[in-house]
Amino acid sequence: IAKKTQLMKEAQELLRKWEKGDEEVRKIWAMMNNWVYEGFDKTYKHLDITFDKIYYESDIYNKGKTIVEEAFLKNIFGKKEDGSIYVDLSEYNLDEKILLRADGTSVYITQDIGVAYERYHEYTPDRMIYVVGNEQNYHFEVLKTILKNKLNQKWADIIYHYSYGMVELPEGKMKSREGKVVDADDLIEEMMIRAEERTKLLGKTEDLPPEQLYKLYFIIAIGAIKYYILKVAPEKNIMFNPEESIDFDGNTAPFIQYTYARIQSVLRKAKETNNDYFIDNVNENIDVNDKEKELLINIYLFSKILNEAIDSLSPNMIANYIYELAKLYNQYYHDYSILKAGSDDLIKYRLLISKLIGN
C-alpha cells in the first residue's frame, strides 16, 4: 500500500532523477546529506570514533548495478513481468530477492554487492567484518549467498556479520525528543547531567574550574555508556540502566576510572616524596603476599585475554578483565599501605605493581 501513495511515487521519481544525475535534485540531496554528515561527525567525535576510509553509496551504487546487470545477461538472475531483476535463493532456504527495481534503480543489497567487491579488491583482507545490528541477520545471509553461490566469488567466505543485540532503555528513565528512540547525542547529554550530580555528591571537585569540570563530566558520561555496553557479550540485547551505569561502586566505568585516578594519585605523591622510587630495578627478594601474587597473575594474563578477545571478536572479555583487575587492586589498596609500606624496596615494588595495573 505504501508504494502506491502519492508521496512514495514522488520519492521514487526523485530517486530516478538522482540516479540519472538531475542537477536540481542532486543539489538538494547534497545540502541535506551535509546536514546528516555534520550530525554524524559530531556524534563520532564525542565517542572518539574515526574511519580510515568511507565508502559512500552515492559513489559506488553504479558498481553494484553493473555487477547485477552483467550477471542478468549471463542468466544468473531473472526478470519479473514488471521489469525488475531478482535472484531466486530458494535452493539455499532463502527467499527471492529484488536486486534492481522495475525502474532500474538500485536497492540496499545491490549497493552492498558493489561495496563488497570494492573492499575486497582494494584491501584483500583476511576477514571482512560487518558491524551491524541483529535485525539485519537475514540481509547479510542473502549478501553472502549471492556473492558465493550465484556470482561465484570464493572470497565471500571471508564475510562475517558481527551481529550485535539491541540497546533498550527502561521506560521513563530517559527523555527522548521524539517517540521511544533516544539518539546518541541526547543520551550523552543526559548522562553528563547524571555524572555532574553524582560527582557533586562526592564533594571532591569544588576547586576545579568550569572547563575542567565539563571535561570530567564528559569523561565519566562517555565511559559509563561505552563500558555498560561493552561489558555484555555482543550478541545479547542490553537493558541500559542510566543510574546503574554511573554508579561509582559497581561493575561500571566510573568505578574503573576512579581506580585509575587513585593509582595516578599514589604515583604523583610518590614522585613528590622521592623520585628514586621510580628507578626500574626492583629488589627480587621481596616477600610477595597472597594479594600481590593474585595481582601479578592477573597482570600476566592480560595479553592472553587480549588475544582471545581479538580472535573471538569479544570486547566484553577485556571489559570484564579490567573490572576484575580494578576490584582486586582496590582490595589490595585497602589492605596494604603503598607509600608507608616500610622499606624503600617494598614501596618501589608496590608502586611498580600499581603502575603496571594503571597501564
Protein backbone atom coordinates (compact mmCIF):
# COMPACT_ATOMS: atom_id res chain seq x y z
CA ILE A 1 0.00 0.00 0.00
CA ALA A 2 2.80 2.41 0.93
CA LYS A 3 4.33 2.07 -2.54
CA LYS A 4 1.10 3.32 -4.14
CA THR A 5 0.80 6.53 -2.12
CA GLN A 6 1.41 9.83 -3.89
CA LEU A 7 4.27 10.67 -1.52
CA MET A 8 6.02 7.37 -2.25
CA LYS A 9 5.56 7.86 -6.01
CA GLU A 10 7.17 11.30 -5.71
CA ALA A 11 10.05 9.82 -3.69
CA GLN A 12 10.61 7.13 -6.34
CA GLU A 13 10.61 9.78 -9.05
CA LEU A 14 13.24 11.78 -7.13
CA LEU A 15 15.38 8.64 -6.84
CA ARG A 16 15.13 8.04 -10.58
CA LYS A 17 16.14 11.65 -11.24
CA TRP A 18 19.01 11.35 -8.74
CA GLU A 19 20.41 8.21 -10.38
CA LYS A 20 20.22 9.96 -13.78
CA GLY A 21 22.22 12.88 -12.36
CA ASP A 22 19.46 15.54 -12.34
CA GLU A 23 21.26 18.74 -11.33
CA GLU A 24 18.49 20.25 -9.15
CA VAL A 25 17.74 17.00 -7.33
CA ARG A 26 21.46 16.39 -6.71
CA LYS A 27 21.85 19.92 -5.33
CA ILE A 28 19.03 19.45 -2.77
CA TRP A 29 20.33 15.96 -1.93
CA ALA A 30 23.87 17.27 -1.31
CA MET A 31 22.56 20.00 1.01
CA MET A 32 20.50 17.54 3.06
CA ASN A 33 23.32 14.99 3.14
CA ASN A 34 25.69 17.60 4.54
CA TRP A 35 23.29 18.17 7.44
CA VAL A 36 23.38 14.45 8.17
CA TYR A 37 27.16 14.17 7.92
CA GLU A 38 27.63 17.15 10.23
CA GLY A 39 25.47 15.38 12.81
CA PHE A 40 27.33 12.10 12.35
CA ASP A 41 30.70 13.85 12.72
CA LYS A 42 29.58 15.45 15.98
CA THR A 43 28.47 12.12 17.43
CA TYR A 44 31.57 10.25 16.23
CA LYS A 45 33.81 12.95 17.72
CA HIS A 46 32.04 12.58 21.08
CA LEU A 47 32.63 8.83 21.00
CA ASP A 48 36.22 9.16 19.70
CA ILE A 49 35.41 7.10 16.59
CA THR A 50 37.39 7.58 13.39
CA PHE A 51 37.40 5.85 10.00
CA ASP A 52 40.33 5.15 7.68
CA LYS A 53 38.05 5.11 4.66
CA ILE A 54 34.38 5.79 4.00
CA TYR A 55 32.54 4.22 1.05
CA TYR A 56 29.64 6.46 0.11
CA GLU A 57 26.70 4.70 -1.51
CA SER A 58 26.36 7.68 -3.83
CA ASP A 59 29.85 6.97 -5.20
CA ILE A 60 29.61 3.20 -5.66
CA TYR A 61 25.92 2.41 -6.34
CA ASN A 62 26.71 2.01 -10.06
CA LYS A 63 29.26 -0.70 -9.27
CA GLY A 64 26.55 -2.94 -7.81
CA LYS A 65 24.15 -2.16 -10.66
CA THR A 66 26.78 -3.10 -13.24
CA ILE A 67 27.54 -6.42 -11.50
CA VAL A 68 23.82 -7.28 -11.32
CA GLU A 69 23.14 -6.29 -14.95
CA GLU A 70 26.11 -8.34 -16.22
CA ALA A 71 25.00 -11.36 -14.18
CA PHE A 72 21.46 -11.00 -15.59
CA LEU A 73 22.84 -11.11 -19.15
CA LYS A 74 24.53 -14.41 -18.20
CA ASN A 75 21.14 -15.77 -16.96
CA ILE A 76 22.34 -15.85 -13.34
CA PHE A 77 19.47 -13.58 -12.28
CA GLY A 78 15.89 -13.44 -13.55
CA LYS A 79 13.50 -10.69 -14.61
CA LYS A 80 9.93 -10.26 -13.39
CA GLU A 81 6.98 -9.14 -15.52
CA ASP A 82 7.34 -5.55 -14.27
CA GLY A 83 10.96 -5.47 -15.43
CA SER A 84 12.63 -5.78 -12.00
CA ILE A 85 15.69 -8.05 -11.73
CA TYR A 86 15.67 -10.65 -8.96
CA VAL A 87 17.53 -13.66 -7.65
CA ASP A 88 15.88 -16.90 -6.52
CA LEU A 89 17.62 -18.30 -3.41
CA SER A 90 15.05 -20.98 -2.54
CA GLU A 91 17.63 -23.77 -3.00
CA TYR A 92 19.55 -22.20 -0.08
CA ASN A 93 16.41 -21.98 2.10
CA LEU A 94 16.14 -18.24 1.45
CA ASP A 95 13.51 -16.24 -0.46
CA GLU A 96 13.55 -14.36 -3.74
CA LYS A 97 15.35 -11.01 -3.56
CA ILE A 98 14.84 -7.97 -5.80
CA LEU A 99 18.22 -6.60 -6.95
CA LEU A 100 17.07 -3.82 -9.29
CA ARG A 101 13.64 -2.21 -9.22
CA ALA A 102 11.39 -2.12 -12.30
CA ASP A 103 12.50 1.47 -12.96
CA GLY A 104 16.16 0.39 -12.91
CA THR A 105 17.07 1.95 -9.54
CA SER A 106 19.21 0.02 -7.06
CA VAL A 107 18.31 -1.33 -3.62
CA TYR A 108 20.44 -1.84 -0.49
CA ILE A 109 21.58 -5.34 -1.43
CA THR A 110 22.75 -4.09 -4.86
CA GLN A 111 24.88 -1.42 -3.22
CA ASP A 112 26.26 -3.88 -0.67
CA ILE A 113 27.33 -6.20 -3.50
CA GLY A 114 29.22 -3.29 -5.05
CA VAL A 115 30.85 -2.28 -1.76
CA ALA A 116 31.93 -5.88 -1.04
CA TYR A 117 33.71 -6.04 -4.42
CA GLU A 118 35.36 -2.65 -3.80
CA ARG A 119 36.54 -3.60 -0.31
CA TYR A 120 37.91 -6.95 -1.33
CA HIS A 121 39.79 -5.80 -4.40
CA GLU A 122 41.18 -2.72 -2.63
CA TYR A 123 42.39 -4.46 0.55
CA THR A 124 42.21 -8.29 0.01
CA PRO A 125 41.50 -8.71 3.75
CA ASP A 126 41.57 -11.94 5.76
CA ARG A 127 38.15 -11.07 7.15
CA MET A 128 35.53 -8.58 6.05
CA ILE A 129 33.56 -7.73 9.19
CA TYR A 130 30.19 -6.00 9.02
CA VAL A 131 29.30 -4.46 12.39
CA VAL A 132 25.52 -4.25 12.07
CA GLY A 133 22.59 -4.98 14.41
CA ASN A 134 20.89 -8.38 14.56
CA GLU A 135 17.80 -7.15 12.72
CA GLN A 136 19.95 -7.40 9.57
CA ASN A 137 20.91 -11.08 10.03
CA TYR A 138 18.85 -12.16 7.02
CA HIS A 139 20.23 -9.37 4.81
CA PHE A 140 23.83 -10.47 5.32
CA GLU A 141 22.99 -14.13 4.84
CA VAL A 142 21.48 -13.15 1.47
CA LEU A 143 24.50 -10.99 0.57
CA LYS A 144 26.99 -13.77 1.29
CA THR A 145 24.89 -16.37 -0.55
CA ILE A 146 24.57 -14.20 -3.67
CA LEU A 147 28.30 -13.43 -3.76
CA LYS A 148 29.42 -17.00 -3.14
CA ASN A 149 26.81 -19.19 -4.80
CA LYS A 150 25.47 -17.00 -7.59
CA LEU A 151 28.35 -14.73 -8.52
CA ASN A 152 30.95 -17.43 -7.77
CA GLN A 153 33.15 -15.14 -5.64
CA LYS A 154 35.10 -17.62 -3.48
CA TRP A 155 36.36 -14.77 -1.28
CA ALA A 156 32.78 -14.35 0.01
CA ASP A 157 33.74 -16.82 2.77
CA ILE A 158 35.69 -14.01 4.47
CA ILE A 159 32.47 -12.03 5.03
CA TYR A 160 31.45 -12.05 8.68
CA HIS A 161 28.37 -10.32 10.05
CA TYR A 162 29.26 -9.13 13.56
CA SER A 163 25.64 -9.22 14.68
CA TYR A 164 25.03 -7.30 17.89
CA GLY A 165 21.97 -7.09 20.11
CA MET A 166 19.78 -4.06 20.63
CA VAL A 167 20.18 -1.49 23.41
CA GLU A 168 16.92 -0.82 25.20
CA LEU A 169 16.12 1.80 27.83
CA PRO A 170 13.87 1.38 30.88
CA GLU A 171 10.51 3.08 30.42
CA GLY A 172 10.55 6.60 31.79
CA LYS A 173 14.27 6.54 32.64
CA MET A 174 15.46 8.53 29.65
CA LYS A 175 13.97 11.52 27.90
CA SER A 176 13.54 11.30 24.16
CA ARG A 177 12.68 14.16 21.86
CA GLU A 178 10.52 12.02 19.64
CA GLY A 179 8.82 8.69 20.27
CA LYS A 180 10.76 5.95 22.08
CA VAL A 181 14.03 6.36 20.20
CA VAL A 182 16.84 8.12 22.10
CA ASP A 183 19.68 9.29 19.89
CA ALA A 184 23.32 9.13 20.97
CA ASP A 185 23.78 12.87 21.49
CA ASP A 186 20.70 13.09 23.75
CA LEU A 187 21.97 10.09 25.73
CA ILE A 188 25.42 11.68 26.20
CA GLU A 189 23.81 14.95 27.33
CA GLU A 190 21.58 13.13 29.82
CA MET A 191 24.50 11.09 31.17
CA MET A 192 26.61 14.23 31.65
CA ILE A 193 23.86 15.65 33.88
CA ARG A 194 23.87 12.43 35.91
CA ALA A 195 27.69 12.45 36.09
CA GLU A 196 27.59 16.01 37.44
CA GLU A 197 25.00 15.07 40.08
CA ARG A 198 26.98 12.00 41.22
CA THR A 199 30.32 13.83 41.28
CA LYS A 200 28.95 16.72 43.33
CA LEU A 201 27.63 14.26 45.91
CA LEU A 202 31.21 13.01 46.43
CA GLY A 203 32.27 16.59 47.16
CA LYS A 204 35.77 16.39 45.69
CA THR A 205 35.54 18.83 42.81
CA GLU A 206 34.81 22.21 44.47
CA ASP A 207 38.19 23.69 43.47
CA LEU A 208 38.08 22.72 39.80
CA PRO A 209 37.43 25.44 37.18
CA PRO A 210 34.31 25.06 34.96
CA GLU A 211 36.22 23.85 31.88
CA GLN A 212 37.85 21.04 33.87
CA LEU A 213 34.53 20.10 35.43
CA TYR A 214 32.91 19.88 31.99
CA LYS A 215 35.74 17.63 30.77
CA LEU A 216 35.42 15.46 33.88
CA TYR A 217 31.64 15.01 33.49
CA PHE A 218 32.12 14.23 29.80
CA ILE A 219 34.79 11.56 30.50
CA ILE A 220 32.60 9.91 33.15
CA ALA A 221 29.48 10.01 30.94
CA ILE A 222 31.17 8.58 27.83
CA GLY A 223 32.93 5.93 29.89
CA ALA A 224 29.67 4.91 31.57
CA ILE A 225 27.89 4.49 28.22
CA LYS A 226 30.71 2.66 26.45
CA TYR A 227 31.58 0.30 29.29
CA TYR A 228 27.97 -0.64 30.13
CA ILE A 229 27.53 -1.75 26.51
CA LEU A 230 30.99 -3.31 26.04
CA LYS A 231 30.84 -5.47 29.17
CA VAL A 232 27.94 -7.51 27.72
CA ALA A 233 28.52 -10.19 25.05
CA PRO A 234 27.87 -8.52 21.66
CA GLU A 235 25.05 -10.82 20.57
CA LYS A 236 22.94 -10.14 23.67
CA ASN A 237 20.32 -7.41 23.99
CA ILE A 238 21.04 -4.84 26.70
CA MET A 239 18.74 -3.01 29.05
CA PHE A 240 20.74 0.17 29.57
CA ASN A 241 20.17 1.44 33.09
CA PRO A 242 21.44 5.06 33.30
CA GLU A 243 21.58 5.11 37.12
CA GLU A 244 23.36 1.78 37.38
CA SER A 245 25.85 2.63 34.61
CA ILE A 246 27.19 5.64 36.51
CA ASP A 247 27.50 4.01 39.94
CA PHE A 248 30.97 4.62 41.39
CA ASP A 249 30.90 1.32 43.30
CA GLY A 250 29.53 -1.25 40.82
CA ASN A 251 30.73 -3.04 37.69
CA THR A 252 30.91 0.28 35.86
CA ALA A 253 33.31 2.59 34.05
CA PRO A 254 33.26 5.21 36.86
CA PHE A 255 34.49 2.53 39.30
CA ILE A 256 37.34 1.61 36.92
CA GLN A 257 38.08 5.29 36.17
CA TYR A 258 38.13 6.05 39.90
CA THR A 259 40.61 3.18 40.44
CA TYR A 260 42.84 4.54 37.68
CA ALA A 261 42.65 8.05 39.18
CA ARG A 262 43.56 6.58 42.58
CA ILE A 263 46.63 4.87 41.11
CA GLN A 264 47.77 8.08 39.39
CA SER A 265 47.32 9.96 42.66
CA VAL A 266 49.52 7.45 44.50
CA LEU A 267 52.19 7.69 41.79
CA ARG A 268 52.14 11.51 41.91
CA LYS A 269 52.52 11.56 45.70
CA ALA A 270 55.37 9.06 45.46
CA LYS A 271 57.18 11.22 42.92
CA GLU A 272 56.83 14.26 45.17
CA THR A 273 58.19 12.24 48.10
CA ASN A 274 61.14 10.50 46.46
CA ASN A 275 61.82 10.33 42.71
CA ASP A 276 64.18 7.38 43.28
CA TYR A 277 61.10 5.20 43.83
CA PHE A 278 60.74 5.10 40.04
CA ILE A 279 64.15 3.65 39.22
CA ASP A 280 63.29 0.47 37.29
CA ASN A 281 65.40 -2.04 39.19
CA VAL A 282 63.35 -3.73 41.90
CA ASN A 283 64.70 -5.99 44.63
CA GLU A 284 63.77 -9.52 43.55
CA ASN A 285 63.98 -10.86 47.11
CA ILE A 286 60.79 -9.11 48.26
CA ASP A 287 58.36 -11.34 50.14
CA VAL A 288 55.22 -11.39 47.97
CA ASN A 289 51.92 -11.61 49.85
CA ASP A 290 48.90 -13.55 48.53
CA LYS A 291 47.09 -10.47 47.19
CA GLU A 292 50.21 -9.39 45.30
CA LYS A 293 50.53 -12.88 43.81
CA GLU A 294 46.94 -12.65 42.62
CA LEU A 295 47.55 -9.21 41.12
CA LEU A 296 50.73 -10.34 39.36
CA ILE A 297 48.99 -13.38 37.87
CA ASN A 298 46.19 -11.17 36.57
CA ILE A 299 48.64 -8.65 35.08
CA TYR A 300 50.39 -11.55 33.34
CA LEU A 301 47.08 -12.81 31.91
CA PHE A 302 46.32 -9.54 30.11
CA SER A 303 47.98 -10.38 26.78
CA LYS A 304 46.33 -13.85 26.73
CA ILE A 305 42.86 -12.37 27.33
CA LEU A 306 43.51 -9.60 24.79
CA ASN A 307 44.38 -12.18 22.10
CA GLU A 308 41.36 -14.34 22.96
CA ALA A 309 39.12 -11.27 22.72
CA ILE A 310 40.57 -10.42 19.30
CA ASP A 311 40.21 -13.98 17.97
CA SER A 312 36.61 -14.29 19.15
CA LEU A 313 35.64 -10.63 18.48
CA SER A 314 34.55 -10.32 22.11
CA PRO A 315 35.44 -6.91 23.62
CA ASN A 316 33.40 -7.89 26.69
CA MET A 317 36.29 -10.18 27.70
CA ILE A 318 38.60 -7.16 28.01
CA ALA A 319 35.96 -5.05 29.80
CA ASN A 320 35.30 -7.74 32.40
CA TYR A 321 39.01 -8.47 32.86
CA ILE A 322 39.70 -4.77 33.56
CA TYR A 323 36.86 -4.65 36.08
CA GLU A 324 38.15 -7.71 37.97
CA LEU A 325 41.68 -6.24 37.99
CA ALA A 326 40.38 -2.89 39.31
CA LYS A 327 38.40 -4.71 42.00
CA LEU A 328 41.46 -6.72 43.08
CA TYR A 329 43.59 -3.58 43.22
CA ASN A 330 41.07 -1.74 45.38
CA GLN A 331 41.04 -4.62 47.85
CA TYR A 332 44.84 -4.57 47.86
CA TYR A 333 44.93 -0.79 48.34
CA HIS A 334 42.53 -1.13 51.27
CA ASP A 335 44.53 -3.91 52.95
CA TYR A 336 48.11 -2.74 52.37
CA SER A 337 49.82 0.62 52.54
CA ILE A 338 51.85 1.58 49.48
CA LEU A 339 53.68 4.79 50.43
CA LYS A 340 54.03 3.69 54.07
CA ALA A 341 54.99 0.12 53.30
CA GLY A 342 58.18 0.35 55.39
CA SER A 343 61.33 -0.23 53.38
CA ASP A 344 62.15 1.64 50.19
CA ASP A 345 62.39 -1.67 48.35
CA LEU A 346 58.84 -2.62 49.34
CA ILE A 347 57.49 0.84 48.42
CA LYS A 348 59.18 0.64 45.00
CA TYR A 349 57.78 -2.85 44.48
CA ARG A 350 54.20 -1.83 45.32
CA LEU A 351 54.46 1.30 43.19
CA LEU A 352 55.59 -0.83 40.24
CA ILE A 353 52.57 -3.12 40.63
CA SER A 354 50.32 -0.04 40.81
CA LYS A 355 51.91 1.47 37.70
CA LEU A 356 51.50 -1.77 35.72
CA ILE A 357 47.83 -2.03 36.68
CA GLY A 358 47.27 1.63 35.77
CA ASN A 359 48.81 0.97 32.35
